[in-house]
Structures are given as structure tokens and as C-alpha cells.
Amino acid sequence: MLKLIGSLSCIWLLMAISTMAQDQPPVLDTAGRPVRSGVEYYILPAATDIAGGLTLVARNGSCPSFVGQEPLTPVVSQGLPVVFSPYVAGETIVRESSSFIIEFSAASTCVSSTKWNLAARDPATSRRNIGIGSSGSYFMITKENNLYYLAFCPADTCNICRFDCGTAGITIENGTRFLTLDGPVFPFRFRRA
């Protein structure tokens, strides 16, 4: 009997999470269409004259295992395309404030996976870089004043968990632009690849 109650509780919880996620408005791409799971997008700065799109970058001459931003050049790069995978099974639309995994739709010569994850806190800067690795972290997109922001606070993946949440921004270290938490926030837009 207890096993049946436990199973029913889990099913109810999954249905509640799915219903809550569907109540959130969809994230819109630059053409005004909902961002869809499994479709490639470029993540670009909201302002067009700041820098390029998000890509893989290296730190201290190591393998490119961090998420960063293409620099501003005469011909600005769109970066690497990404694919979003929502936490809620069967969800085809990326929704505001809903958890999902982001993965570059490209290969890296250094690691087996290009799923984004939250790296350890840097002791020198107290910031957390966004890296890549086999186990992806859940991120979300928030909207404020008609601007989209990337954030780490996967609330709907664990109701009792306590996360050290943060909104992503760009920090510059030795001329390289890194996507980090705990620094100045940075607005983005999403263009279908």
C-alpha cells in the first residue's frame, strides 16, 4: 500500500511540474517565434555592437572547456549553435523561468560532451564560470524589461534543494570573454541557426 502511495505521489509531482511549466510564457527568438527544444540557435548579445555570440573558449592556454563570447571584430561571429533540452519530459517549447540543459551543437577536441555545466567557484575572483562537461547543469532564461537573461537556479528540478543561484554575465580575463555567474548581468537574444 505504501509503495502505491509513493508511486502515485511521484506521478502527481511530475504532473504538477509539467502543468506549472506550461503556464510560463515561451522564450521568443529574434523572429518572434517560440524557441523549441532540439532546434539549433545562436545565443547573441541583445545589443548588436558589443561582441559576438557564445562559443567555447580556453583559459590559461588549456583546452576550450568554458563558455565564452566571440570578441567584437569587423566581421562578428555568431559563435556556436546550441540546443536546449527542457527538464520537463515531452516539452517542445523553451519557457521562461523553466529549467533546461544547454548543449553546443559542435564537437570539442578536449571533452566528450559540450553540455553546459556550472564550474567550481574561482577562488581568485569568487565567480563561477560556465563550463562544459559530461553532466549538464540545468539553466533557465528569465525576462526583465523585454530582455532575456541566462540564469542558474534549477528550482523545478528539485523542490527541496537549496541552490546558490545567479544570473549570467560576461567577464573579461586577459582579453577573453567568459560567461560567468556572480558578475555583471548581460542580456541575450536567440537566433535560429
C-alpha atoms as a PDB file:
ATOM      1  CA  MET A   1       0.000   0.000   0.000  1.00  0.00           C
ATOM      2  CA  LEU A   2       2.809   2.431   0.912  1.00  0.00           C
ATOM      3  CA  LYS A   3       4.550   1.607  -2.367  1.00  0.00           C
ATOM      4  CA  LEU A   4       1.376   2.507  -4.288  1.00  0.00           C
ATOM      5  CA  ILE A   5       1.038   5.814  -2.394  1.00  0.00           C
ATOM      6  CA  GLY A   6       4.687   6.613  -3.112  1.00  0.00           C
ATOM      7  CA  SER A   7       4.237   5.862  -6.827  1.00  0.00           C
ATOM      8  CA  LEU A   8       1.094   7.972  -7.026  1.00  0.00           C
ATOM      9  CA  SER A   9       2.868  10.843  -5.237  1.00  0.00           C
ATOM     10  CA  CYS A  10       5.689  10.790  -7.784  1.00  0.00           C
ATOM     11  CA  ILE A  11       3.233  10.759 -10.693  1.00  0.00           C
ATOM     12  CA  TRP A  12       1.300  13.660  -9.148  1.00  0.00           C
ATOM     13  CA  LEU A  13       4.521  15.637  -8.625  1.00  0.00           C
ATOM     14  CA  LEU A  14       5.590  15.136 -12.262  1.00  0.00           C
ATOM     15  CA  MET A  15       2.148  16.203 -13.489  1.00  0.00           C
ATOM     16  CA  ALA A  16       2.264  19.321 -11.284  1.00  0.00           C
ATOM     17  CA  ILE A  17       5.729  20.291 -12.558  1.00  0.00           C
ATOM     18  CA  SER A  18       4.599  19.762 -16.159  1.00  0.00           C
ATOM     19  CA  THR A  19       1.492  21.904 -15.641  1.00  0.00           C
ATOM     20  CA  MET A  20       3.469  24.709 -13.970  1.00  0.00           C
ATOM     21  CA  ALA A  21       5.996  24.737 -16.814  1.00  0.00           C
ATOM     22  CA  GLN A  22       3.234  25.061 -19.413  1.00  0.00           C
ATOM     23  CA  ASP A  23       1.888  28.162 -17.624  1.00  0.00           C
ATOM     24  CA  GLN A  24       5.132  30.074 -18.282  1.00  0.00           C
ATOM     25  CA  PRO A  25       5.325  32.159 -21.474  1.00  0.00           C
ATOM     26  CA  PRO A  26       7.604  30.844 -24.222  1.00  0.00           C
ATOM     27  CA  VAL A  27      11.023  32.368 -24.864  1.00  0.00           C
ATOM     28  CA  LEU A  28      10.899  34.051 -28.275  1.00  0.00           C
ATOM     29  CA  ASP A  29      13.653  34.060 -30.875  1.00  0.00           C
ATOM     30  CA  THR A  30      14.677  37.091 -32.937  1.00  0.00           C
ATOM     31  CA  ALA A  31      11.881  36.333 -35.438  1.00  0.00           C
ATOM     32  CA  GLY A  32       9.245  36.325 -32.671  1.00  0.00           C
ATOM     33  CA  ARG A  33       8.770  32.530 -32.742  1.00  0.00           C
ATOM     34  CA  PRO A  34       8.928  30.322 -29.635  1.00  0.00           C
ATOM     35  CA  VAL A  35      12.348  28.760 -29.018  1.00  0.00           C
ATOM     36  CA  ARG A  36      11.977  24.997 -29.497  1.00  0.00           C
ATOM     37  CA  SER A  37      13.808  22.091 -27.917  1.00  0.00           C
ATOM     38  CA  GLY A  38      16.090  20.140 -30.240  1.00  0.00           C
ATOM     39  CA  VAL A  39      16.468  23.062 -32.682  1.00  0.00           C
ATOM     40  CA  GLU A  40      19.794  24.872 -33.116  1.00  0.00           C
ATOM     41  CA  TYR A  41      20.049  28.525 -32.002  1.00  0.00           C
ATOM     42  CA  TYR A  42      22.799  31.080 -31.680  1.00  0.00           C
ATOM     43  CA  ILE A  43      22.916  32.917 -28.368  1.00  0.00           C
ATOM     44  CA  LEU A  44      23.779  36.518 -29.219  1.00  0.00           C
ATOM     45  CA  PRO A  45      24.122  39.706 -27.171  1.00  0.00           C
ATOM     46  CA  ALA A  46      20.918  41.750 -27.014  1.00  0.00           C
ATOM     47  CA  ALA A  47      22.910  44.809 -28.160  1.00  0.00           C
ATOM     48  CA  THR A  48      24.426  44.208 -31.590  1.00  0.00           C
ATOM     49  CA  ASP A  49      27.606  46.287 -31.326  1.00  0.00           C
ATOM     50  CA  ILE A  50      29.130  44.750 -28.179  1.00  0.00           C
ATOM     51  CA  ALA A  51      30.551  41.363 -29.223  1.00  0.00           C
ATOM     52  CA  GLY A  52      29.661  38.136 -30.991  1.00  0.00           C
ATOM     53  CA  GLY A  53      27.758  35.039 -29.979  1.00  0.00           C
ATOM     54  CA  LEU A  54      28.570  32.441 -27.352  1.00  0.00           C
ATOM     55  CA  THR A  55      31.259  29.881 -28.115  1.00  0.00           C
ATOM     56  CA  LEU A  56      33.880  27.657 -26.496  1.00  0.00           C
ATOM     57  CA  VAL A  57      36.915  29.442 -25.027  1.00  0.00           C
ATOM     58  CA  ALA A  58      40.111  28.359 -23.298  1.00  0.00           C
ATOM     59  CA  ARG A  59      41.561  29.577 -20.044  1.00  0.00           C
ATOM     60  CA  ASN A  60      45.297  29.786 -19.414  1.00  0.00           C
ATOM     61  CA  GLY A  61      46.136  28.028 -22.688  1.00  0.00           C
ATOM     62  CA  SER A  62      44.109  24.957 -21.764  1.00  0.00           C
ATOM     63  CA  CYS A  63      41.531  23.184 -23.879  1.00  0.00           C
ATOM     64  CA  PRO A  64      38.466  25.252 -24.776  1.00  0.00           C
ATOM     65  CA  SER A  65      36.292  23.930 -21.974  1.00  0.00           C
ATOM     66  CA  PHE A  66      34.494  27.122 -20.927  1.00  0.00           C
ATOM     67  CA  VAL A  67      31.557  29.004 -22.401  1.00  0.00           C
ATOM     68  CA  GLY A  68      32.615  32.426 -23.597  1.00  0.00           C
ATOM     69  CA  GLN A  69      31.819  35.092 -26.125  1.00  0.00           C
ATOM     70  CA  GLU A  70      33.300  35.881 -29.511  1.00  0.00           C
ATOM     71  CA  PRO A  71      35.098  39.257 -29.436  1.00  0.00           C
ATOM     72  CA  LEU A  72      33.923  42.278 -31.397  1.00  0.00           C
ATOM     73  CA  THR A  73      35.655  42.248 -34.770  1.00  0.00           C
ATOM     74  CA  PRO A  74      34.891  43.845 -38.160  1.00  0.00           C
ATOM     75  CA  VAL A  75      33.082  40.602 -39.097  1.00  0.00           C
ATOM     76  CA  VAL A  76      31.346  39.493 -35.903  1.00  0.00           C
ATOM     77  CA  SER A  77      30.993  35.733 -35.384  1.00  0.00           C
ATOM     78  CA  GLN A  78      27.651  34.274 -34.323  1.00  0.00           C
ATOM     79  CA  GLY A  79      29.504  31.755 -32.180  1.00  0.00           C
ATOM     80  CA  LEU A  80      28.489  28.108 -31.988  1.00  0.00           C
ATOM     81  CA  PRO A  81      24.874  26.928 -32.194  1.00  0.00           C
ATOM     82  CA  VAL A  82      23.255  25.413 -29.105  1.00  0.00           C
ATOM     83  CA  VAL A  83      20.355  23.059 -28.497  1.00  0.00           C
ATOM     84  CA  PHE A  84      18.009  23.357 -25.498  1.00  0.00           C
ATOM     85  CA  SER A  85      16.624  20.272 -23.713  1.00  0.00           C
ATOM     86  CA  PRO A  86      13.831  21.135 -21.237  1.00  0.00           C
ATOM     87  CA  TYR A  87      13.680  19.366 -17.878  1.00  0.00           C
ATOM     88  CA  VAL A  88      10.003  18.507 -18.328  1.00  0.00           C
ATOM     89  CA  ALA A  89       9.763  15.358 -20.431  1.00  0.00           C
ATOM     90  CA  GLY A  90       7.943  15.907 -23.714  1.00  0.00           C
ATOM     91  CA  GLU A  91       8.150  19.722 -23.547  1.00  0.00           C
ATOM     92  CA  THR A  92       8.926  21.077 -27.017  1.00  0.00           C
ATOM     93  CA  ILE A  93       8.951  24.793 -26.171  1.00  0.00           C
ATOM     94  CA  VAL A  94      11.601  26.547 -24.065  1.00  0.00           C
ATOM     95  CA  ARG A  95       9.697  28.573 -21.484  1.00  0.00           C
ATOM     96  CA  GLU A  96      10.712  31.488 -19.293  1.00  0.00           C
ATOM     97  CA  SER A  97      11.911  30.508 -15.806  1.00  0.00           C
ATOM     98  CA  SER A  98      11.810  26.784 -16.648  1.00  0.00           C
ATOM     99  CA  SER A  99      14.840  24.526 -16.317  1.00  0.00           C
ATOM    100  CA  PHE A 100      16.676  23.069 -19.305  1.00  0.00           C
ATOM    101  CA  ILE A 101      20.080  21.784 -20.351  1.00  0.00           C
ATOM    102  CA  ILE A 102      22.083  23.708 -22.972  1.00  0.00           C
ATOM    103  CA  GLU A 103      24.494  21.884 -25.258  1.00  0.00           C
ATOM    104  CA  PHE A 104      26.692  23.251 -28.018  1.00  0.00           C
ATOM    105  CA  SER A 105      25.848  21.623 -31.323  1.00  0.00           C
ATOM    106  CA  ALA A 106      29.557  21.229 -32.072  1.00  0.00           C
ATOM    107  CA  ALA A 107      32.404  18.929 -31.148  1.00  0.00           C
ATOM    108  CA  SER A 108      35.220  19.733 -28.763  1.00  0.00           C
ATOM    109  CA  THR A 109      38.636  18.123 -29.099  1.00  0.00           C
ATOM    110  CA  CYS A 110      39.098  18.143 -25.315  1.00  0.00           C
ATOM    111  CA  VAL A 111      35.995  16.629 -23.737  1.00  0.00           C
ATOM    112  CA  SER A 112      33.355  14.153 -24.798  1.00  0.00           C
ATOM    113  CA  SER A 113      30.360  16.383 -24.113  1.00  0.00           C
ATOM    114  CA  THR A 114      29.537  20.017 -24.842  1.00  0.00           C
ATOM    115  CA  LYS A 115      26.712  20.233 -22.294  1.00  0.00           C
ATOM    116  CA  TRP A 116      26.959  23.383 -20.211  1.00  0.00           C
ATOM    117  CA  ASN A 117      27.656  22.987 -16.522  1.00  0.00           C
ATOM    118  CA  LEU A 118      28.388  25.198 -13.597  1.00  0.00           C
ATOM    119  CA  ALA A 119      32.106  25.095 -12.800  1.00  0.00           C
ATOM    120  CA  ALA A 120      33.535  25.429  -9.307  1.00  0.00           C
ATOM    121  CA  ARG A 121      33.833  28.883  -7.779  1.00  0.00           C
ATOM    122  CA  ASP A 122      37.105  30.581  -8.813  1.00  0.00           C
ATOM    123  CA  PRO A 123      38.982  31.354  -5.563  1.00  0.00           C
ATOM    124  CA  ALA A 124      40.671  34.423  -7.087  1.00  0.00           C
ATOM    125  CA  THR A 125      37.502  36.143  -8.364  1.00  0.00           C
ATOM    126  CA  SER A 126      34.716  34.377  -6.370  1.00  0.00           C
ATOM    127  CA  ARG A 127      32.889  33.920  -9.673  1.00  0.00           C
ATOM    128  CA  ARG A 128      31.574  30.720 -11.163  1.00  0.00           C
ATOM    129  CA  ASN A 129      32.374  30.138 -14.817  1.00  0.00           C
ATOM    130  CA  ILE A 130      30.072  28.207 -17.090  1.00  0.00           C
ATOM    131  CA  GLY A 131      31.997  25.247 -18.470  1.00  0.00           C
ATOM    132  CA  ILE A 132      31.237  22.147 -20.465  1.00  0.00           C
ATOM    133  CA  GLY A 133      31.316  18.511 -19.435  1.00  0.00           C
ATOM    134  CA  SER A 134      29.562  15.173 -19.393  1.00  0.00           C
ATOM    135  CA  SER A 135      26.885  16.067 -16.864  1.00  0.00           C
ATOM    136  CA  GLY A 136      24.972  19.173 -17.820  1.00  0.00           C
ATOM    137  CA  SER A 137      23.604  21.613 -15.272  1.00  0.00           C
ATOM    138  CA  TYR A 138      20.078  22.975 -15.528  1.00  0.00           C
ATOM    139  CA  PHE A 139      19.786  26.616 -16.547  1.00  0.00           C
ATOM    140  CA  MET A 140      16.825  28.897 -17.212  1.00  0.00           C
ATOM    141  CA  ILE A 141      16.004  32.043 -19.154  1.00  0.00           C
ATOM    142  CA  THR A 142      14.420  34.941 -17.318  1.00  0.00           C
ATOM    143  CA  LYS A 143      12.863  38.045 -18.835  1.00  0.00           C
ATOM    144  CA  GLU A 144      13.056  41.544 -17.440  1.00  0.00           C
ATOM    145  CA  ASN A 145      12.102  44.769 -19.270  1.00  0.00           C
ATOM    146  CA  ASN A 146      11.749  42.786 -22.525  1.00  0.00           C
ATOM    147  CA  LEU A 147      15.324  41.484 -22.256  1.00  0.00           C
ATOM    148  CA  TYR A 148      16.306  37.827 -21.783  1.00  0.00           C
ATOM    149  CA  TYR A 149      18.932  36.703 -19.275  1.00  0.00           C
ATOM    150  CA  LEU A 150      20.543  33.301 -18.744  1.00  0.00           C
ATOM    151  CA  ALA A 151      20.411  32.139 -15.137  1.00  0.00           C
ATOM    152  CA  PHE A 152      21.340  29.172 -12.992  1.00  0.00           C
ATOM    153  CA  CYS A 153      18.641  28.292 -10.487  1.00  0.00           C
ATOM    154  CA  PRO A 154      17.040  24.982 -11.424  1.00  0.00           C
ATOM    155  CA  ALA A 155      14.147  25.265  -8.980  1.00  0.00           C
ATOM    156  CA  ASP A 156      11.808  22.888 -10.787  1.00  0.00           C
ATOM    157  CA  THR A 157      14.364  20.039 -10.819  1.00  0.00           C
ATOM    158  CA  CYS A 158      14.353  19.722  -7.034  1.00  0.00           C
ATOM    159  CA  ASN A 159      11.779  21.362  -4.783  1.00  0.00           C
ATOM    160  CA  ILE A 160      13.712  20.776  -1.559  1.00  0.00           C
ATOM    161  CA  CYS A 161      17.189  21.640  -2.892  1.00  0.00           C
ATOM    162  CA  ARG A 162      18.962  24.863  -1.995  1.00  0.00           C
ATOM    163  CA  PHE A 163      20.950  26.310  -4.861  1.00  0.00           C
ATOM    164  CA  ASP A 164      23.368  29.199  -4.970  1.00  0.00           C
ATOM    165  CA  CYS A 165      21.502  30.867  -7.828  1.00  0.00           C
ATOM    166  CA  GLY A 166      22.882  33.532 -10.124  1.00  0.00           C
ATOM    167  CA  THR A 167      22.339  35.366 -13.400  1.00  0.00           C
ATOM    168  CA  ALA A 168      24.958  35.023 -16.124  1.00  0.00           C
ATOM    169  CA  GLY A 169      27.057  37.819 -17.474  1.00  0.00           C
ATOM    170  CA  ILE A 170      30.279  38.382 -19.346  1.00  0.00           C
ATOM    171  CA  THR A 171      33.571  38.932 -17.570  1.00  0.00           C
ATOM    172  CA  ILE A 172      36.847  39.636 -19.333  1.00  0.00           C
ATOM    173  CA  GLU A 173      40.041  37.935 -18.218  1.00  0.00           C
ATOM    174  CA  ASN A 174      43.262  38.536 -20.176  1.00  0.00           C
ATOM    175  CA  GLY A 175      41.232  39.625 -23.206  1.00  0.00           C
ATOM    176  CA  THR A 176      38.998  36.517 -23.208  1.00  0.00           C
ATOM    177  CA  ARG A 177      35.275  36.965 -22.625  1.00  0.00           C
ATOM    178  CA  PHE A 178      33.851  34.325 -20.217  1.00  0.00           C
ATOM    179  CA  LEU A 179      30.232  33.567 -19.373  1.00  0.00           C
ATOM    180  CA  THR A 180      30.118  33.658 -15.566  1.00  0.00           C
ATOM    181  CA  LEU A 181      27.739  33.929 -12.667  1.00  0.00           C
ATOM    182  CA  ASP A 182      28.199  36.398  -9.825  1.00  0.00           C
ATOM    183  CA  GLY A 183      29.310  39.271 -12.032  1.00  0.00           C
ATOM    184  CA  PRO A 184      27.554  41.926 -14.074  1.00  0.00           C
ATOM    185  CA  VAL A 185      24.466  40.521 -15.820  1.00  0.00           C
ATOM    186  CA  PHE A 186      24.272  40.512 -19.610  1.00  0.00           C
ATOM    187  CA  PRO A 187      21.143  40.321 -21.809  1.00  0.00           C
ATOM    188  CA  PHE A 188      20.924  37.881 -24.718  1.00  0.00           C
ATOM    189  CA  ARG A 189      18.758  37.074 -27.730  1.00  0.00           C
ATOM    190  CA  PHE A 190      18.269  33.799 -29.574  1.00  0.00           C
ATOM    191  CA  ARG A 191      18.561  33.452 -33.371  1.00  0.00           C
ATOM    192  CA  ARG A 192      17.583  30.230 -35.093  1.00  0.00           C
ATOM    193  CA  ALA A 193      20.620  28.694 -36.834  1.00  0.00           C
END
